[in-house]
């Protein structure tokens, strides 16, 4: 044998060694009875007889479960072949004790993406100009903040350190995470979410005010102040922009204290929404041990499912604004106290405010202390 034949023989030998052994069976005989003894065919059918227990088990009532299954099931149902029967479509929504761990991993990856694609057109579409106006009316009616397009905040979703990622996902808290930036309306529903890192396309549009926002409008009862821009409300982690208001730093008094109170009163909606999110989905209570791409899909799926639950629920468990005379809305379960996997962000962008942004905030300061004053706010 010459040198070429020896090399070719060695390569062929290595290839044969590295080939995976041929699978003898597709599904283990213990798991072949899942269509008769699996959770969907046994436990779920029994839970259907008791709506309250079904609600506690799935966080969904019977109508919501059937609607979600009918929407997602046909998309995730695989084709039956002569070799094996696929996991039924409902297997992606029901915890299965008759499926291998590797199959469960593929199911979670596929189903979370399908949930987002199937539900986002109805329950989290990109807001239009009319949608923004409707959101602003809700904030004025429920939270006494006119021309407000939403409450915005960001959270670190803590993940296991990805392989060979270096410091890419490392944050100032000493953990590895991806960032969830969200805009919430007055009804505790997510309207815009940006999952990943700072500087994404949605984040850039929010900071620049280019998300098809409505034109400037008059403040109620203050025509002499002229038309003012619609704004988002945020905390100190965000920069001051023409369409993004943040509170005055430090301890304030007088009209600046009133402005901080009114802004925090409206901004607390997003904090409560994150609290509701963490109370519904236990994955936020610890470190998520999947790849960053799958974390993105899981986070987006929980956000759109949050909207699905709130808009299709028959129970009236929504938090409402307190009556006049009370200092502000009560706080939902904190997103930071119980959720190890959901932590606040430190800052989003540089705080180099323009003169126009400072003028808009000073106009709101004057408005909340005069024409737009409320009986339950602090005295000037």
Protein backbone atom coordinates (compact mmCIF):
# COMPACT_ATOMS: atom_id res chain seq x y z
CA UNK A 1 0.00 0.00 0.00
CA UNK A 2 1.29 3.44 -0.88
CA UNK A 3 0.96 6.49 1.34
CA UNK A 4 -2.32 7.64 -0.24
CA UNK A 5 -3.99 4.30 0.36
CA UNK A 6 -2.81 4.26 3.97
CA UNK A 7 -4.20 7.74 4.57
CA UNK A 8 -7.50 6.85 2.91
CA UNK A 9 -7.75 3.67 4.97
CA UNK A 10 -7.10 5.62 8.18
CA UNK A 11 -9.75 8.22 7.35
CA UNK A 12 -12.29 5.49 6.57
CA UNK A 13 -11.49 3.74 9.83
CA UNK A 14 -11.98 6.94 11.83
CA UNK A 15 -15.28 7.58 10.05
CA UNK A 16 -16.56 4.11 10.90
CA UNK A 17 -15.54 4.54 14.52
CA UNK A 18 -17.32 7.86 14.83
CA UNK A 19 -20.55 6.65 13.25
CA UNK A 20 -23.38 6.44 15.72
CA UNK A 21 -24.56 2.91 16.42
CA UNK A 22 -27.66 1.97 14.55
CA UNK A 23 -30.78 2.41 16.63
CA UNK A 24 -32.54 -0.87 17.33
CA UNK A 25 -35.87 0.63 18.40
CA UNK A 26 -37.40 4.07 17.88
CA UNK A 27 -39.52 4.18 21.05
CA UNK A 28 -38.81 2.16 24.15
CA UNK A 29 -41.48 -0.37 24.96
CA UNK A 30 -42.13 1.31 28.33
CA UNK A 31 -43.06 4.52 26.51
CA UNK A 32 -45.17 2.96 23.79
CA UNK A 33 -48.30 3.10 25.92
CA UNK A 34 -48.28 6.87 26.32
CA UNK A 35 -51.38 7.31 24.18
CA UNK A 36 -53.31 5.21 26.71
CA UNK A 37 -51.55 6.04 29.97
CA UNK A 38 -50.03 9.47 29.35
CA UNK A 39 -51.08 12.56 31.30
CA UNK A 40 -53.31 13.97 28.56
CA UNK A 41 -55.36 10.79 28.23
CA UNK A 42 -55.63 10.13 31.96
CA UNK A 43 -54.95 13.08 34.26
CA UNK A 44 -56.14 15.88 31.97
CA UNK A 45 -59.43 14.14 31.23
CA UNK A 46 -60.05 13.77 34.96
CA UNK A 47 -59.11 17.41 35.61
CA UNK A 48 -61.65 18.50 33.00
CA UNK A 49 -64.35 17.34 35.39
CA UNK A 50 -63.18 19.92 37.96
CA UNK A 51 -62.59 23.36 36.46
CA UNK A 52 -60.96 24.75 39.61
CA UNK A 53 -58.32 22.01 39.74
CA UNK A 54 -57.67 22.37 36.00
CA UNK A 55 -57.13 26.11 36.54
CA UNK A 56 -54.61 25.53 39.33
CA UNK A 57 -52.73 22.88 37.35
CA UNK A 58 -52.40 24.69 34.00
CA UNK A 59 -53.08 28.36 34.94
CA UNK A 60 -55.78 28.09 32.25
CA UNK A 61 -59.48 27.46 32.44
CA UNK A 62 -61.12 24.88 30.21
CA UNK A 63 -62.00 27.32 27.42
CA UNK A 64 -58.53 28.87 27.39
CA UNK A 65 -56.84 25.47 27.30
CA UNK A 66 -58.99 24.29 24.38
CA UNK A 67 -58.45 27.52 22.48
CA UNK A 68 -54.68 27.39 22.91
CA UNK A 69 -54.58 23.71 21.96
CA UNK A 70 -56.65 24.31 18.82
CA UNK A 71 -54.35 27.17 17.81
CA UNK A 72 -50.98 25.53 18.48
CA UNK A 73 -51.82 21.82 18.12
CA UNK A 74 -52.19 21.62 14.31
CA UNK A 75 -48.86 23.41 13.80
CA UNK A 76 -46.78 21.19 16.10
CA UNK A 77 -48.40 17.87 15.12
CA UNK A 78 -45.91 15.76 13.18
CA UNK A 79 -46.58 13.24 10.40
CA UNK A 80 -47.20 9.59 11.25
CA UNK A 81 -44.85 7.20 9.41
CA UNK A 82 -44.38 3.46 9.13
CA UNK A 83 -41.47 3.62 11.56
CA UNK A 84 -43.09 5.31 14.53
CA UNK A 85 -46.00 7.41 15.76
CA UNK A 86 -45.12 11.01 16.65
CA UNK A 87 -45.87 12.67 19.95
CA UNK A 88 -49.43 14.07 19.61
CA UNK A 89 -49.93 17.81 19.27
CA UNK A 90 -51.25 18.13 22.81
CA UNK A 91 -47.95 16.68 24.04
CA UNK A 92 -46.39 20.10 23.53
CA UNK A 93 -48.72 21.72 26.06
CA UNK A 94 -49.18 18.95 28.61
CA UNK A 95 -46.32 17.74 30.84
CA UNK A 96 -45.51 14.24 29.62
CA UNK A 97 -44.15 11.44 31.79
CA UNK A 98 -43.86 9.05 28.82
CA UNK A 99 -41.38 10.94 26.66
CA UNK A 100 -37.59 10.85 26.67
CA UNK A 101 -35.72 13.90 28.00
CA UNK A 102 -34.13 14.61 24.60
CA UNK A 103 -37.59 14.64 23.01
CA UNK A 104 -38.88 17.01 25.68
CA UNK A 105 -36.01 19.41 24.92
CA UNK A 106 -36.95 19.49 21.23
CA UNK A 107 -40.63 19.93 22.09
CA UNK A 108 -39.97 22.96 24.33
CA UNK A 109 -37.83 24.61 21.66
CA UNK A 110 -40.46 24.09 18.95
CA UNK A 111 -43.58 24.84 20.97
CA UNK A 112 -42.35 28.13 22.46
CA UNK A 113 -41.61 29.48 18.99
CA UNK A 114 -44.97 28.30 17.67
CA UNK A 115 -46.82 29.89 20.61
CA UNK A 116 -45.18 33.24 19.84
CA UNK A 117 -45.85 33.05 16.09
CA UNK A 118 -49.45 31.93 16.58
CA UNK A 119 -50.53 34.36 19.32
CA UNK A 120 -48.55 37.54 18.65
CA UNK A 121 -50.70 38.77 15.70
CA UNK A 122 -53.79 38.86 17.95
CA UNK A 123 -52.45 39.45 21.46
CA UNK A 124 -49.29 41.52 20.91
CA UNK A 125 -49.33 43.15 17.48
CA UNK A 126 -47.09 46.12 16.76
CA UNK A 127 -49.15 49.14 17.94
CA UNK A 128 -50.44 51.52 15.31
CA UNK A 129 -51.00 55.22 15.79
CA UNK A 130 -54.59 54.59 16.87
CA UNK A 131 -53.46 51.89 19.28
CA UNK A 132 -51.04 54.35 20.91
CA UNK A 133 -53.86 56.89 21.30
CA UNK A 134 -56.04 54.23 22.94
CA UNK A 135 -53.22 53.36 25.36
CA UNK A 136 -52.82 57.05 26.22
CA UNK A 137 -56.53 57.36 26.97
CA UNK A 138 -56.25 54.36 29.31
CA UNK A 139 -53.38 55.91 31.24
CA UNK A 140 -55.21 59.22 31.54
CA UNK A 141 -58.39 57.54 32.75
CA UNK A 142 -56.90 54.99 35.13
CA UNK A 143 -53.56 56.45 36.21
CA UNK A 144 -54.09 60.22 35.82
CA UNK A 145 -51.16 60.70 33.44
CA UNK A 146 -52.19 62.28 30.12
CA UNK A 147 -50.31 61.76 26.86
CA UNK A 148 -48.69 58.59 28.29
CA UNK A 149 -48.04 55.80 25.79
CA UNK A 150 -46.93 53.18 28.30
CA UNK A 151 -44.75 52.29 31.23
CA UNK A 152 -41.33 50.95 30.26
CA UNK A 153 -38.79 48.94 32.23
CA UNK A 154 -36.11 46.32 31.71
CA UNK A 155 -35.09 43.17 33.57
CA UNK A 156 -32.13 40.81 33.50
CA UNK A 157 -33.30 37.24 32.85
CA UNK A 158 -30.61 35.16 34.58
CA UNK A 159 -29.30 32.22 32.56
CA UNK A 160 -26.62 29.58 32.95
CA UNK A 161 -23.27 30.72 31.54
CA UNK A 162 -23.26 29.69 27.85
CA UNK A 163 -20.32 27.68 26.60
CA UNK A 164 -17.44 29.69 25.15
CA UNK A 165 -19.33 32.97 25.57
CA UNK A 166 -16.67 34.82 27.58
CA UNK A 167 -18.15 38.03 28.99
CA UNK A 168 -20.83 38.38 26.30
CA UNK A 169 -23.75 37.68 28.65
CA UNK A 170 -22.04 38.77 31.88
CA UNK A 171 -23.71 41.64 33.75
CA UNK A 172 -22.79 44.00 36.57
CA UNK A 173 -24.56 41.82 39.18
CA UNK A 174 -22.06 39.01 38.63
CA UNK A 175 -24.48 36.74 36.78
CA UNK A 176 -25.10 35.82 33.16
CA UNK A 177 -28.31 37.10 31.64
CA UNK A 178 -30.25 38.36 28.67
CA UNK A 179 -32.27 41.58 28.82
CA UNK A 180 -36.06 41.83 28.64
CA UNK A 181 -37.22 45.36 27.80
CA UNK A 182 -41.00 45.82 27.87
CA UNK A 183 -43.65 48.49 27.37
CA UNK A 184 -46.85 47.88 29.34
CA UNK A 185 -50.26 49.52 28.90
CA UNK A 186 -52.69 50.59 31.60
CA UNK A 187 -54.32 47.12 31.65
CA UNK A 188 -51.10 45.29 32.66
CA UNK A 189 -50.57 43.87 29.16
CA UNK A 190 -47.31 43.83 27.24
CA UNK A 191 -47.49 45.97 24.10
CA UNK A 192 -43.84 45.88 22.98
CA UNK A 193 -41.08 43.53 24.15
CA UNK A 194 -37.42 43.42 23.14
CA UNK A 195 -35.55 40.29 24.27
CA UNK A 196 -31.78 40.00 23.97
CA UNK A 197 -29.22 42.74 24.54
CA UNK A 198 -29.28 46.52 24.73
CA UNK A 199 -29.38 48.41 21.47
CA UNK A 200 -31.78 46.13 19.61
CA UNK A 201 -34.01 47.59 16.90
CA UNK A 202 -37.03 47.96 19.19
CA UNK A 203 -34.94 49.59 21.93
CA UNK A 204 -33.48 52.06 19.46
CA UNK A 205 -36.93 53.01 18.16
CA UNK A 206 -38.24 53.47 21.71
CA UNK A 207 -35.40 55.78 22.67
CA UNK A 208 -35.68 57.72 19.41
CA UNK A 209 -39.48 57.96 19.48
CA UNK A 210 -39.92 56.47 16.00
CA UNK A 211 -42.46 53.71 16.74
CA UNK A 212 -45.25 55.27 14.67
CA UNK A 213 -46.17 57.53 17.59
CA UNK A 214 -49.13 59.91 17.29
CA UNK A 215 -48.49 63.63 16.73
CA UNK A 216 -48.34 66.05 19.66
CA UNK A 217 -51.61 66.75 21.47
CA UNK A 218 -53.00 69.24 23.99
CA UNK A 219 -52.98 68.40 27.68
CA UNK A 220 -56.51 68.21 29.16
CA UNK A 221 -57.56 71.61 30.48
CA UNK A 222 -54.28 73.27 29.52
CA UNK A 223 -54.70 74.56 25.98
CA UNK A 224 -52.48 77.55 26.74
CA UNK A 225 -49.48 75.21 27.16
CA UNK A 226 -49.69 74.22 23.53
CA UNK A 227 -49.34 70.77 22.02
CA UNK A 228 -47.09 68.39 23.94
CA UNK A 229 -45.54 65.12 22.78
CA UNK A 230 -46.76 61.70 23.86
CA UNK A 231 -44.30 60.12 26.28
CA UNK A 232 -43.29 56.85 27.91
CA UNK A 233 -42.64 56.80 31.67
CA UNK A 234 -39.55 55.11 33.09
CA UNK A 235 -37.27 55.07 36.13
CA UNK A 236 -33.74 56.43 36.65
CA UNK A 237 -32.20 53.63 34.56
CA UNK A 238 -33.47 55.28 31.38
CA UNK A 239 -32.31 58.53 29.77
CA UNK A 240 -34.44 61.63 29.50
CA UNK A 241 -35.75 62.05 25.95
CA UNK A 242 -38.47 64.04 24.28
CA UNK A 243 -40.73 60.97 24.29
CA UNK A 244 -39.29 59.34 27.42
CA UNK A 245 -39.77 60.82 30.90
CA UNK A 246 -37.73 59.87 33.96
CA UNK A 247 -38.01 61.24 37.53
CA UNK A 248 -35.81 63.93 39.01
CA UNK A 249 -32.88 62.31 40.88
CA UNK A 250 -32.47 62.40 44.64
CA UNK A 251 -34.80 63.83 47.27
CA UNK A 252 -37.08 66.50 45.82
CA UNK A 253 -39.58 68.97 47.20
CA UNK A 254 -42.33 71.17 45.84
CA UNK A 255 -43.49 70.71 42.24
CA UNK A 256 -40.61 68.36 41.40
CA UNK A 257 -41.74 66.02 44.19
CA UNK A 258 -45.27 66.10 42.79
CA UNK A 259 -43.96 65.22 39.32
CA UNK A 260 -41.93 62.29 40.68
CA UNK A 261 -44.98 61.02 42.54
CA UNK A 262 -47.27 61.20 39.50
CA UNK A 263 -44.67 59.58 37.24
CA UNK A 264 -43.99 56.77 39.73
CA UNK A 265 -47.75 56.31 40.16
CA UNK A 266 -48.06 55.53 36.44
CA UNK A 267 -44.74 53.69 36.13
CA UNK A 268 -45.63 51.17 38.85
CA UNK A 269 -47.86 49.43 36.30
CA UNK A 270 -44.85 47.80 34.65
CA UNK A 271 -43.43 46.69 38.02
CA UNK A 272 -46.73 45.04 38.88
CA UNK A 273 -46.82 43.38 35.46
CA UNK A 274 -43.39 41.83 36.00
CA UNK A 275 -44.61 40.65 39.41
CA UNK A 276 -47.62 38.97 37.81
CA UNK A 277 -45.35 37.40 35.19
CA UNK A 278 -43.03 35.85 37.78
CA UNK A 279 -45.93 34.55 39.86
CA UNK A 280 -47.34 32.76 36.80
CA UNK A 281 -44.14 31.30 35.35
CA UNK A 282 -41.78 29.57 37.77
CA UNK A 283 -38.87 29.58 35.33
CA UNK A 284 -38.19 33.18 36.46
CA UNK A 285 -37.59 32.02 40.05
CA UNK A 286 -34.22 30.46 39.29
CA UNK A 287 -31.40 30.31 36.80
CA UNK A 288 -32.60 29.16 33.38
CA UNK A 289 -30.33 26.40 32.13
CA UNK A 290 -30.89 26.44 28.37
CA UNK A 291 -29.13 28.12 25.46
CA UNK A 292 -29.62 31.90 24.96
CA UNK A 293 -31.59 31.34 21.75
CA UNK A 294 -34.04 29.07 23.56
CA UNK A 295 -34.25 31.51 26.48
CA UNK A 296 -35.32 34.23 24.05
CA UNK A 297 -38.08 31.98 22.72
CA UNK A 298 -39.26 31.01 26.23
CA UNK A 299 -39.35 34.62 27.44
CA UNK A 300 -41.30 35.81 24.41
CA UNK A 301 -43.72 32.90 24.78
CA UNK A 302 -44.44 33.76 28.44
CA UNK A 303 -45.03 37.42 27.56
CA UNK A 304 -47.55 36.68 24.83
CA UNK A 305 -49.21 34.00 27.00
CA UNK A 306 -49.50 36.61 29.77
CA UNK A 307 -51.53 38.78 27.38
CA UNK A 308 -53.54 35.76 26.27
CA UNK A 309 -54.50 34.93 29.86
CA UNK A 310 -55.45 38.48 30.80
CA UNK A 311 -57.55 39.17 27.72
CA UNK A 312 -59.41 35.87 27.65
CA UNK A 313 -59.94 35.40 31.39
CA UNK A 314 -63.52 35.45 32.60
CA UNK A 315 -62.63 36.36 36.17
CA UNK A 316 -62.33 40.01 37.17
CA UNK A 317 -59.00 39.76 38.96
CA UNK A 318 -57.41 42.80 37.36
CA UNK A 319 -55.80 45.39 39.58
CA UNK A 320 -57.46 48.78 39.35
CA UNK A 321 -56.41 52.24 40.36
CA UNK A 322 -57.21 53.07 44.00
CA UNK A 323 -60.02 55.50 44.76
CA UNK A 324 -59.31 59.18 45.25
CA UNK A 325 -57.64 59.93 48.53
CA UNK A 326 -55.25 56.99 48.48
CA UNK A 327 -51.59 57.64 47.73
CA UNK A 328 -51.12 55.20 44.88
CA UNK A 329 -51.62 51.69 43.52
CA UNK A 330 -50.76 48.70 45.62
CA UNK A 331 -47.73 46.73 44.49
CA UNK A 332 -48.16 43.23 43.09
CA UNK A 333 -45.78 40.45 44.14
CA UNK A 334 -42.36 41.92 43.52
CA UNK A 335 -40.48 40.76 40.46
CA UNK A 336 -37.24 41.07 42.43
CA UNK A 337 -38.01 39.57 45.84
CA UNK A 338 -39.28 36.17 44.68
CA UNK A 339 -37.67 35.90 41.26
CA UNK A 340 -34.00 35.06 41.38
CA UNK A 341 -34.02 34.81 37.60
CA UNK A 342 -35.47 38.30 36.98
CA UNK A 343 -33.36 41.24 38.17
CA UNK A 344 -33.54 45.00 37.48
CA UNK A 345 -31.30 46.66 34.93
CA UNK A 346 -28.83 49.38 35.89
CA UNK A 347 -29.06 51.77 32.93
CA UNK A 348 -30.24 51.91 29.34
CA UNK A 349 -28.36 54.43 27.23
CA UNK A 350 -26.57 57.64 28.19
CA UNK A 351 -28.44 60.42 29.96
CA UNK A 352 -27.50 63.34 27.72
CA UNK A 353 -30.84 65.11 27.71
CA UNK A 354 -31.66 67.64 25.03
CA UNK A 355 -33.17 71.06 25.74
CA UNK A 356 -36.42 69.90 24.18
CA UNK A 357 -36.62 66.90 26.56
CA UNK A 358 -35.98 69.17 29.56
CA UNK A 359 -38.66 71.59 28.34
CA UNK A 360 -41.25 68.77 28.02
CA UNK A 361 -40.55 67.58 31.56
CA UNK A 362 -40.76 71.09 32.99
CA UNK A 363 -44.09 71.56 31.20
CA UNK A 364 -45.43 68.41 32.87
CA UNK A 365 -44.06 69.61 36.22
CA UNK A 366 -46.10 72.80 35.89
CA UNK A 367 -49.18 70.93 34.67
CA UNK A 368 -49.29 68.42 37.53
CA UNK A 369 -49.02 71.24 40.09
CA UNK A 370 -51.73 73.41 38.53
CA UNK A 371 -54.30 72.41 35.88
CA UNK A 372 -53.67 68.66 36.20
CA UNK A 373 -53.42 68.46 39.99
CA UNK A 374 -55.16 65.54 41.73
CA UNK A 375 -56.68 65.49 45.22
CA UNK A 376 -54.61 62.43 46.22
CA UNK A 377 -51.19 63.76 45.26
CA UNK A 378 -48.75 65.38 47.71
CA UNK A 379 -49.25 69.07 48.46
CA UNK A 380 -46.84 71.47 46.75
